[in-house]
Protein backbone atom coordinates (compact mmCIF):
# COMPACT_ATOMS: atom_id res chain seq x y z
CA MET A 1 -152.01 -200.81 58.94
CA LYS A 2 -151.50 -197.04 58.83
CA GLN A 3 -153.85 -194.88 56.72
CA ILE A 4 -153.27 -191.52 55.03
CA GLU A 5 -154.85 -188.69 57.03
CA LYS A 6 -156.89 -185.98 55.29
CA ILE A 7 -155.85 -182.50 56.46
CA ALA A 8 -157.95 -180.13 54.34
CA ALA A 9 -159.75 -179.87 51.00
CA GLY A 10 -161.29 -177.20 48.82
CA ALA A 11 -162.41 -176.59 45.25
CA ASN A 12 -158.78 -176.32 44.04
CA PHE A 13 -156.77 -178.42 46.50
CA ASN A 14 -156.48 -181.46 48.72
CA ALA A 15 -154.02 -181.86 51.59
CA VAL A 16 -153.06 -185.07 53.36
CA SER A 17 -150.45 -186.39 55.77
CA VAL A 18 -148.68 -189.72 55.45
CA GLY A 19 -147.14 -189.14 58.88
CA LYS A 20 -143.55 -188.78 59.99
CA SER A 21 -140.82 -190.55 58.06
CA ASP A 22 -140.18 -192.93 60.95
CA GLU A 23 -143.86 -194.04 60.69
CA LEU A 24 -143.62 -195.07 57.02
CA ASN A 25 -142.87 -198.67 58.01
CA ASP A 26 -146.41 -198.86 59.40
CA TYR A 27 -147.65 -198.91 55.77
CA VAL A 28 -147.73 -202.06 53.64
CA MET A 29 -148.47 -201.85 49.92
CA GLU A 30 -149.97 -205.02 48.48
CA LEU A 31 -149.62 -205.78 44.79
CA GLY A 32 -152.16 -207.99 43.05
CA SER A 33 -149.57 -210.74 42.56
CA GLY A 34 -149.39 -211.38 46.32
CA VAL A 35 -146.27 -209.23 46.72
CA LYS A 36 -146.24 -207.11 49.88
CA ILE A 37 -143.99 -204.07 50.11
CA PRO A 38 -143.49 -202.82 53.68
CA GLY A 39 -142.88 -199.13 54.27
CA LYS A 40 -144.44 -197.91 50.99
CA VAL A 41 -147.49 -195.69 50.51
CA PHE A 42 -148.89 -194.14 47.32
CA GLY A 43 -150.60 -190.76 47.70
CA GLY A 44 -151.85 -189.60 44.29
CA THR A 45 -155.38 -190.87 44.79
CA ALA A 46 -155.56 -189.36 48.29
CA VAL A 47 -154.84 -185.87 46.93
CA GLN A 48 -156.79 -186.51 43.69
CA ALA A 49 -153.71 -185.85 41.53
CA THR A 50 -154.54 -185.77 37.81
CA GLY A 51 -151.12 -185.68 36.14
CA SER A 52 -148.80 -187.71 38.33
CA GLU A 53 -148.48 -190.27 41.12
CA PHE A 54 -146.19 -190.17 44.14
CA SER A 55 -145.10 -192.54 46.84
CA PHE A 56 -143.03 -192.45 49.99
CA GLN A 57 -140.98 -195.48 50.92
CA SER A 58 -138.72 -196.37 53.81
CA PHE A 59 -136.15 -199.16 53.52
CA MET A 60 -134.79 -200.49 56.79
CA PRO A 61 -131.05 -201.27 56.91
CA GLY A 62 -130.29 -204.43 54.94
CA THR A 63 -133.51 -204.32 52.86
CA GLU A 64 -134.06 -203.68 49.16
CA SER A 65 -136.82 -203.47 46.59
CA SER A 66 -135.96 -207.13 45.69
CA PHE A 67 -137.01 -206.78 42.03
CA LEU A 68 -136.18 -204.76 38.95
CA HIS A 69 -138.99 -202.87 37.26
CA ILE A 70 -139.61 -200.68 34.23
CA HIS A 71 -142.57 -198.63 33.03
CA ARG A 72 -144.40 -198.51 29.72
CA ASN A 73 -144.88 -194.72 29.67
CA HIS A 74 -143.85 -193.20 33.00
CA GLU A 75 -140.63 -191.49 33.97
CA GLU A 76 -139.79 -191.40 37.68
CA LEU A 77 -137.96 -188.95 39.92
CA TYR A 78 -136.56 -190.39 43.17
CA PHE A 79 -135.78 -187.89 45.96
CA PHE A 80 -133.74 -189.34 48.84
CA LEU A 81 -134.77 -187.65 52.09
CA SER A 82 -132.61 -189.48 54.66
CA GLY A 83 -130.26 -192.41 55.05
CA SER A 84 -127.94 -193.91 52.46
CA GLY A 85 -127.93 -196.81 50.06
CA GLU A 86 -127.43 -197.80 46.45
CA PHE A 87 -129.53 -197.33 43.33
CA GLN A 88 -129.28 -199.48 40.22
CA VAL A 89 -130.31 -198.55 36.67
CA ASP A 90 -129.58 -200.86 33.72
CA GLY A 91 -126.95 -202.70 35.77
CA GLN A 92 -125.09 -199.55 36.85
CA VAL A 93 -124.96 -199.28 40.64
CA PHE A 94 -124.23 -195.94 42.36
CA PRO A 95 -124.54 -194.50 45.89
CA VAL A 96 -127.52 -192.41 47.02
CA SER A 97 -128.05 -190.52 50.26
CA GLU A 98 -129.98 -187.59 51.70
CA GLY A 99 -130.19 -184.95 48.97
CA SER A 100 -129.70 -187.33 46.03
CA VAL A 101 -132.18 -187.10 43.14
CA VAL A 102 -132.39 -189.76 40.41
CA ARG A 103 -134.42 -189.53 37.18
CA VAL A 104 -135.17 -192.80 35.40
CA ALA A 105 -136.65 -193.04 31.90
CA PRO A 106 -139.50 -195.53 31.40
CA ALA A 107 -137.25 -198.28 29.95
CA GLY A 108 -134.63 -198.02 32.72
CA LYS A 109 -134.40 -201.25 34.74
CA ARG A 110 -134.33 -199.94 38.31
CA SER A 111 -133.97 -201.07 41.90
CA VAL A 112 -132.83 -199.63 45.23
CA ARG A 113 -131.31 -201.02 48.42
CA ASN A 114 -130.32 -199.80 51.85
CA ASN A 115 -126.79 -200.90 52.66
CA GLY A 116 -126.49 -198.21 55.34
CA THR A 117 -127.15 -198.27 59.08
CA ARG A 118 -130.25 -196.01 59.21
CA PRO A 119 -133.58 -196.12 57.34
CA LEU A 120 -133.32 -194.96 53.72
CA VAL A 121 -136.36 -192.75 53.02
CA MET A 122 -137.35 -191.67 49.52
CA LEU A 123 -140.11 -189.84 47.70
CA CYS A 124 -140.84 -191.07 44.17
CA VAL A 125 -142.81 -188.95 41.68
CA GLN A 126 -144.12 -190.71 38.57
CA TYR A 127 -145.46 -188.91 35.51
CA LYS A 128 -145.88 -189.46 31.77
CA SER A 129 -142.54 -189.14 30.00
CA GLY A 130 -141.93 -186.51 27.35
CA THR A 131 -144.88 -184.27 28.19
CA PHE A 132 -143.22 -181.24 29.86
CA THR A 133 -142.43 -178.41 27.43
CA ALA A 134 -140.69 -175.02 27.56
CA GLU A 135 -144.17 -173.49 27.62
CA ASP A 136 -144.95 -175.51 30.75
CA ALA A 137 -141.85 -174.13 32.47
CA ALA A 138 -143.36 -170.62 32.16
CA ASP A 139 -146.86 -171.65 33.24
CA GLY A 140 -146.85 -169.89 36.64
CA ILE A 141 -148.53 -166.52 37.09
CA ILE A 142 -147.64 -164.24 40.01
CA LEU A 143 -150.85 -162.63 41.24
CA GLN A 144 -151.03 -158.97 42.24
CA GLU A 145 -152.94 -159.58 45.46
CA PRO A 146 -151.61 -159.63 49.01
CA VAL A 147 -151.07 -162.84 50.92
CA GLN A 148 -153.24 -162.88 54.05
CA TRP A 149 -152.67 -165.42 56.82
């Protein structure tokens, strides 16, 4: 089974690689209930994220998540990086493809499937719902020092 590769680390950062998108199927995520999910890898722990979790997942043509799920507290953003398929929230089914972004509230019953002919690759970011404020949107500070490479 494929492992996340550490690239670099410092006092204020961690960098990893999950590999190329066509290598995602080398990962298998195992849930405690004996469920195995091929092509999925979580990365939050690897980068020591403190406010969110993220995962990459690749669905081969004709495959799907095979279950609906919700969250108690976490909202999710799904970024579709390649391929095409369908997403379902609360029984509403709609197409997704490269460039699609879907936000799902914690209570949304969600699932995804690849009904296309190429792998459907997505990045999912999970974070606590209702915590981002207008103040957070202005949190960045542009420093007055030159960038040196």
